[in-house]
Each structure stands twice: as structure tokens, then as C-alpha cells.
């Protein structure tokens, strides 16, 4: 999988990093143009951009659904969500991380960590979709690097899946060989009972109650959680699942189901019975279309 290397530093103070997204600053702000895809990277005045770790989705520490004034900012079970964020920052090399009540980091040691990313595009929100690495880069910014399994195993993405700190969430631009390797890490973590997997309710079913109960108990695929909370916000905070399947169908998330390659909508693989919701296929068997 050929990707573009960008050298730089990870910085967390003044940001709200979690288990799958953090701020990265290239050596030169102009280096973001080296990616060369139709979606421009959205960088701050110092060049920092929010990364999206490819193939990885950690429990939400804070999420504000569009139009979510009725429910505000929400989260998934905080112990596991914060454990994922801490695992990612510790792997990168940060310690003594302190946050304020809104999840903004107010202190960390060191203040920045050297690293590099491998990427080839930014998503529609301007986030570089990347594999994150720590330490000196093996090449200069702009050079092409072939991501194979050996190099993948040196990435933050691999670490988060292998330790059970995040769910796999695959999109269509991820190469099949890399996806298969990442799935092997997921299966190893699940069979060993690491991280979130002993408490995972995605495939067994989750009983939806009041909003506070959902936030405290919903150890489920974050993409499914986000769609649930968007639905609640759309309904002014009402957590009834009546109409949720129709909402999913209208939302337009499309995917492929492995191994048959059946292309369908997210609603097809979500089962709703009264107030219970679950995913009818393994998370790693789904490949979502990039929007």
C-alpha cells in the first residue's frame, strides 16, 4: 500500500485527543499539499491538523451530534473511552496528561513528540486519514513509503487494535492486505479478552434506556453509537427506537459485507427489536464507502 510520508510532531496541549484522533503538526504547513487529493487538509495557523487513524474507531470521550442541542455533548462508557485515549497518548510518548472538564488537555510531558504519518488523502472534514508512527521518520516528507505488514505493526493503528482499545472500522480506500492484517490483530485481542472486548455488546445486543444509561453502558461500535445519538438528537432527545431503522436507511451509509462482497446500507446489518439494537455481522466484516 503506497502512502505519502509527512514528518512532524504530535501535540496535545489545548486539544482534545482521544483513542483514534489527535493533532499532528508537519515540519512545514505547506507539507499538507504533498498529499494531493481533492479534499484540502484543514490546518490551524500553526499547521496543526486533526488526524483520523485509518481503520480504527475508539469509544467516544466526547461527541456532539449535528443538531444535538437537545442532548448536548455525549460520550460512551468513560472508563473504557478514557483508557483508549490514555493508551494512544502513552504509546506516542506522552505522560502526566491532565484535562479540564471539557476534555481539553491542559498539561502533558513532553509538550510535543516527534513522529511521522503515512497518508494519501484527507476526508471530507479535512482530516488526514493516516497511519501514525513515533520517532524519526525513515524518509523525508513527500516521499512514498510502501506500507506492508511489518511496518503496519509499528503503527499506533495496529497497537490500538492489538490491545483491544478500539474497534476496527474499515473504509473502501483501505487496501485489502492491510485490512486483513488489521483484522488479525482484532481477532487476537478479542480471543485474549483484551481492552473493550469483554464488555462489547455490539453483536449480542444493547438495551437502549434513558440517555444517561446509554452513555454509561453502550460499549458498542462507535459508528453505531454516533448514529443512535444523532437519531436521538433528531428526535429532541427521545430515546425510543421507533423509526431508527428508517433513519439509518435515509442517512445513506453504504457498505460491503465480507466475504460475499454484498453492497448494501448500514440499516441492513442493524437489527432493532423494541428497545434492543445490535449489529448482525462482525464489525470487521463491514467495509464502508468513503463519503
Protein backbone atom coordinates (compact mmCIF):
# COMPACT_ATOMS: atom_id res chain seq x y z
CA UNK A 1 0.00 0.00 0.00
CA UNK A 2 1.94 3.12 -1.20
CA UNK A 3 1.46 6.16 1.03
CA UNK A 4 2.97 9.62 1.40
CA UNK A 5 5.20 10.28 4.40
CA UNK A 6 4.81 13.51 6.37
CA UNK A 7 7.34 14.33 9.13
CA UNK A 8 6.34 16.34 12.16
CA UNK A 9 5.26 16.30 15.79
CA UNK A 10 2.24 15.29 17.81
CA UNK A 11 0.96 17.98 20.21
CA UNK A 12 -1.86 17.58 22.71
CA UNK A 13 -2.00 20.70 24.92
CA UNK A 14 -5.03 22.79 24.03
CA UNK A 15 -6.58 19.89 22.10
CA UNK A 16 -8.92 17.04 22.99
CA UNK A 17 -7.22 13.88 21.67
CA UNK A 18 -8.91 10.51 22.00
CA UNK A 19 -8.09 6.94 21.05
CA UNK A 20 -8.28 7.44 17.29
CA UNK A 21 -7.69 11.13 16.63
CA UNK A 22 -5.04 13.66 17.65
CA UNK A 23 -3.32 16.82 16.40
CA UNK A 24 -0.29 16.48 14.15
CA UNK A 25 1.96 19.33 13.03
CA UNK A 26 4.10 18.82 9.91
CA UNK A 27 7.57 20.36 9.76
CA UNK A 28 6.17 22.83 7.24
CA UNK A 29 2.50 23.76 6.96
CA UNK A 30 2.87 23.53 3.17
CA UNK A 31 3.66 19.82 3.51
CA UNK A 32 -0.07 19.08 3.69
CA UNK A 33 -0.24 19.88 -0.03
CA UNK A 34 2.01 16.86 -0.64
CA UNK A 35 -0.99 14.58 -0.08
CA UNK A 36 -2.55 15.89 -3.27
CA UNK A 37 -6.15 14.72 -3.02
CA UNK A 38 -9.34 16.70 -3.76
CA UNK A 39 -10.16 17.38 -0.08
CA UNK A 40 -7.82 20.03 1.35
CA UNK A 41 -6.40 19.43 4.82
CA UNK A 42 -7.92 21.78 7.39
CA UNK A 43 -4.97 23.08 9.38
CA UNK A 44 -4.76 25.79 12.03
CA UNK A 45 -2.48 28.80 11.64
CA UNK A 46 0.47 26.80 13.00
CA UNK A 47 -0.16 23.96 10.57
CA UNK A 48 -1.75 21.53 13.01
CA UNK A 49 -4.45 19.21 11.68
CA UNK A 50 -6.64 16.62 13.35
CA UNK A 51 -5.70 13.13 12.21
CA UNK A 52 -8.14 10.27 11.65
CA UNK A 53 -6.41 6.96 12.28
CA UNK A 54 -7.20 4.68 9.36
CA UNK A 55 -9.19 1.53 10.17
CA UNK A 56 -9.55 2.40 13.86
CA UNK A 57 -12.52 3.75 15.85
CA UNK A 58 -12.21 4.21 19.63
CA UNK A 59 -15.03 4.75 22.10
CA UNK A 60 -16.18 8.35 22.19
CA UNK A 61 -14.90 10.53 25.03
CA UNK A 62 -16.94 13.44 23.71
CA UNK A 63 -19.29 13.66 20.76
CA UNK A 64 -21.67 16.44 19.75
CA UNK A 65 -24.31 15.16 17.31
CA UNK A 66 -25.29 17.53 14.49
CA UNK A 67 -28.30 19.46 15.66
CA UNK A 68 -27.81 17.97 19.09
CA UNK A 69 -28.86 20.94 21.18
CA UNK A 70 -31.41 18.81 22.99
CA UNK A 71 -28.79 16.33 24.23
CA UNK A 72 -25.53 18.31 24.12
CA UNK A 73 -22.14 16.58 24.15
CA UNK A 74 -22.26 12.86 24.87
CA UNK A 75 -19.83 10.03 25.48
CA UNK A 76 -19.55 6.26 25.69
CA UNK A 77 -18.60 4.47 28.94
CA UNK A 78 -15.96 6.86 30.27
CA UNK A 79 -13.62 4.32 31.86
CA UNK A 80 -13.05 2.48 28.59
CA UNK A 81 -13.15 5.62 26.44
CA UNK A 82 -10.53 7.36 28.57
CA UNK A 83 -8.43 4.19 28.74
CA UNK A 84 -8.25 4.21 24.94
CA UNK A 85 -7.24 7.87 24.83
CA UNK A 86 -4.60 7.27 27.50
CA UNK A 87 -3.26 4.20 25.69
CA UNK A 88 -2.82 6.18 22.48
CA UNK A 89 -1.04 9.09 24.17
CA UNK A 90 1.21 6.83 26.23
CA UNK A 91 2.21 4.88 23.13
CA UNK A 92 3.14 8.13 21.40
CA UNK A 93 5.27 9.09 24.41
CA UNK A 94 3.13 11.49 26.46
CA UNK A 95 2.74 11.21 30.23
CA UNK A 96 1.26 13.21 33.11
CA UNK A 97 -1.63 14.26 30.86
CA UNK A 98 -4.21 16.47 32.57
CA UNK A 99 -7.57 17.53 31.14
CA UNK A 100 -10.22 20.04 32.03
CA UNK A 101 -13.92 19.05 32.29
CA UNK A 102 -14.41 19.55 28.53
CA UNK A 103 -11.65 17.01 27.75
CA UNK A 104 -9.14 19.69 26.68
CA UNK A 105 -5.57 18.78 27.64
CA UNK A 106 -4.11 21.42 29.95
CA UNK A 107 -0.75 19.77 30.69
CA UNK A 108 1.39 16.93 29.34
CA UNK A 109 5.00 15.83 29.40
CA UNK A 110 6.64 16.43 26.98
CA UNK A 111 4.71 19.18 25.23
CA UNK A 112 5.29 17.57 21.83
CA UNK A 113 6.55 14.24 20.48
CA UNK A 114 8.46 13.59 17.28
CA UNK A 115 6.78 11.30 14.78
CA UNK A 116 5.52 10.87 11.25
CA UNK A 117 2.41 9.77 9.44
CA UNK A 118 1.68 7.83 6.27
CA UNK A 119 -1.34 9.07 4.36
CA UNK A 120 -2.73 9.64 0.88
CA UNK A 121 -5.94 11.58 1.38
CA UNK A 122 -8.00 13.72 3.73
CA UNK A 123 -11.64 13.00 4.46
CA UNK A 124 -14.50 15.41 3.79
CA UNK A 125 -13.83 17.09 7.15
CA UNK A 126 -10.24 17.89 6.15
CA UNK A 127 -8.70 15.27 8.45
CA UNK A 128 -5.72 13.37 7.03
CA UNK A 129 -6.62 9.67 7.12
CA UNK A 130 -3.36 8.22 8.37
CA UNK A 131 -1.22 5.59 9.98
CA UNK A 132 0.62 7.15 12.91
CA UNK A 133 4.21 6.42 13.91
CA UNK A 134 6.55 7.67 16.62
CA UNK A 135 10.23 8.63 16.41
CA UNK A 136 12.39 9.79 13.49
CA UNK A 137 11.00 9.27 10.01
CA UNK A 138 12.79 6.83 7.68
CA UNK A 139 12.39 9.22 4.73
CA UNK A 140 11.69 12.88 4.01
CA UNK A 141 8.25 14.45 3.77
CA UNK A 142 6.66 13.87 0.40
CA UNK A 143 8.42 10.59 -0.29
CA UNK A 144 6.42 7.45 -0.97
CA UNK A 145 6.56 4.59 1.53
CA UNK A 146 5.10 1.15 0.96
CA UNK A 147 3.08 0.09 3.98
CA UNK A 148 3.43 -3.66 4.45
CA UNK A 149 2.54 -5.81 7.44
CA UNK A 150 5.94 -5.36 9.09
CA UNK A 151 5.64 -1.57 9.01
CA UNK A 152 1.95 -1.70 9.93
CA UNK A 153 2.92 -3.47 13.17
CA UNK A 154 4.98 -0.40 14.13
CA UNK A 155 1.96 1.92 13.87
CA UNK A 156 -0.36 3.34 16.50
CA UNK A 157 -3.27 1.95 14.47
CA UNK A 158 -2.01 -1.62 14.94
CA UNK A 159 -1.28 -1.06 18.64
CA UNK A 160 -4.80 0.17 19.38
CA UNK A 161 -6.41 -2.84 17.70
CA UNK A 162 -4.00 -5.39 19.14
CA UNK A 163 -4.60 -4.11 22.68
CA UNK A 164 -8.37 -4.08 22.25
CA UNK A 165 -8.52 -0.34 22.76
CA UNK A 166 -10.53 0.35 19.61
CA UNK A 167 -12.93 -1.21 17.16
CA UNK A 168 -11.95 -1.84 13.56
CA UNK A 169 -13.90 0.37 11.17
CA UNK A 170 -12.85 -0.10 7.59
CA UNK A 171 -13.46 2.14 4.60
CA UNK A 172 -13.21 1.38 0.91
CA UNK A 173 -9.86 3.09 0.31
CA UNK A 174 -8.02 0.79 2.73
CA UNK A 175 -6.09 -1.87 0.83
CA UNK A 176 -7.28 -5.47 1.34
CA UNK A 177 -3.90 -6.84 2.50
CA UNK A 178 -3.62 -4.17 5.22
CA UNK A 179 -7.24 -4.72 6.24
CA UNK A 180 -6.67 -8.46 6.60
CA UNK A 181 -3.60 -7.85 8.77
CA UNK A 182 -5.53 -5.42 10.97
CA UNK A 183 -8.31 -7.96 11.34
CA UNK A 184 -5.80 -10.50 12.64
CA UNK A 185 -4.92 -8.02 15.42
CA UNK A 186 -8.62 -7.57 16.21
CA UNK A 187 -9.22 -11.29 16.42
CA UNK A 188 -6.18 -11.77 18.67
CA UNK A 189 -7.39 -9.04 21.05
CA UNK A 190 -10.93 -10.42 21.13
CA UNK A 191 -9.84 -14.02 21.79
CA UNK A 192 -7.50 -12.83 24.56
CA UNK A 193 -10.21 -10.71 26.20
CA UNK A 194 -8.21 -7.50 25.96
CA UNK A 195 -9.46 -3.98 26.39
CA UNK A 196 -13.09 -3.35 25.49
CA UNK A 197 -13.88 -6.82 24.13
CA UNK A 198 -15.08 -8.46 27.37
CA UNK A 199 -17.73 -5.73 27.64
CA UNK A 200 -18.59 -5.43 23.95
CA UNK A 201 -22.35 -5.50 23.23
CA UNK A 202 -22.27 -4.77 19.50
CA UNK A 203 -23.20 -8.27 18.35
CA UNK A 204 -25.01 -9.57 21.44
CA UNK A 205 -27.40 -6.65 21.69
CA UNK A 206 -27.72 -3.45 23.69
CA UNK A 207 -30.86 -2.40 25.54
CA UNK A 208 -31.48 1.30 24.99
CA UNK A 209 -32.83 3.14 28.01
CA UNK A 210 -32.50 6.73 29.16
CA UNK A 211 -29.72 8.85 27.68
CA UNK A 212 -27.59 8.64 30.84
CA UNK A 213 -27.85 4.84 30.74
CA UNK A 214 -26.81 4.76 27.08
CA UNK A 215 -23.72 6.83 27.84
CA UNK A 216 -22.79 4.65 30.79
CA UNK A 217 -23.39 1.26 29.17
CA UNK A 218 -23.05 1.48 25.38
CA UNK A 219 -19.87 -0.48 24.71
CA UNK A 220 -20.74 -0.77 21.04
CA UNK A 221 -19.21 0.09 17.69
CA UNK A 222 -18.71 3.89 17.85
CA UNK A 223 -20.19 4.42 14.38
CA UNK A 224 -23.41 2.74 15.55
CA UNK A 225 -23.32 4.81 18.75
CA UNK A 226 -22.95 8.03 16.75
CA UNK A 227 -25.89 7.18 14.53
CA UNK A 228 -28.00 6.38 17.61
CA UNK A 229 -27.17 9.69 19.24
CA UNK A 230 -27.78 11.59 16.02
CA UNK A 231 -31.19 9.92 15.88
CA UNK A 232 -31.93 10.92 19.48
CA UNK A 233 -30.91 14.50 18.72
CA UNK A 234 -33.11 14.48 15.62
CA UNK A 235 -36.00 13.47 17.90
CA UNK A 236 -35.32 16.16 20.51
CA UNK A 237 -33.76 13.72 22.98
CA UNK A 238 -36.39 10.97 22.76
CA UNK A 239 -34.55 7.61 23.02
CA UNK A 240 -37.34 5.46 21.58
CA UNK A 241 -36.01 3.30 18.73
CA UNK A 242 -39.25 3.54 16.77
CA UNK A 243 -38.13 4.73 13.36
CA UNK A 244 -34.39 4.17 13.93
CA UNK A 245 -34.06 1.68 11.06
CA UNK A 246 -35.78 4.11 8.71
CA UNK A 247 -33.46 6.87 9.92
CA UNK A 248 -30.42 4.73 9.17
CA UNK A 249 -31.71 3.94 5.70
CA UNK A 250 -32.27 7.63 4.99
CA UNK A 251 -28.85 8.58 6.32
CA UNK A 252 -27.22 6.82 3.39
CA UNK A 253 -24.24 4.96 4.88
CA UNK A 254 -23.37 2.27 2.33
CA UNK A 255 -21.06 -0.68 2.83
CA UNK A 256 -19.83 -4.01 1.57
CA UNK A 257 -20.28 -7.18 3.61
CA UNK A 258 -17.43 -9.69 3.57
CA UNK A 259 -16.76 -12.28 2.36
CA UNK A 260 -19.51 -12.16 -0.26
CA UNK A 261 -18.99 -8.50 -1.16
CA UNK A 262 -22.70 -7.69 -0.87
CA UNK A 263 -23.18 -3.92 -1.21
CA UNK A 264 -25.99 -2.55 0.91
CA UNK A 265 -26.88 0.07 3.53
CA UNK A 266 -25.90 0.24 7.21
CA UNK A 267 -29.54 -0.33 8.12
CA UNK A 268 -29.38 -3.81 6.54
CA UNK A 269 -26.91 -5.09 9.17
CA UNK A 270 -28.53 -3.40 12.19
CA UNK A 271 -31.31 -5.29 13.96
CA UNK A 272 -33.82 -3.44 16.14
CA UNK A 273 -36.32 -5.21 18.39
CA UNK A 274 -38.34 -2.90 20.60
CA UNK A 275 -35.58 -1.08 22.54
CA UNK A 276 -32.78 -3.51 21.70
CA UNK A 277 -30.25 -2.86 18.94
CA UNK A 278 -27.38 -4.96 17.63
CA UNK A 279 -25.15 -5.49 14.63
CA UNK A 280 -25.90 -8.70 12.76
CA UNK A 281 -22.46 -9.04 11.19
CA UNK A 282 -19.00 -8.83 12.81
CA UNK A 283 -17.61 -5.31 12.81
CA UNK A 284 -14.56 -6.42 10.83
CA UNK A 285 -16.79 -7.88 8.08
CA UNK A 286 -18.01 -4.41 7.04
CA UNK A 287 -16.30 -2.04 4.59
CA UNK A 288 -17.94 1.39 4.46
CA UNK A 289 -17.87 3.68 1.45
CA UNK A 290 -15.99 6.92 1.96
CA UNK A 291 -18.33 9.89 1.56
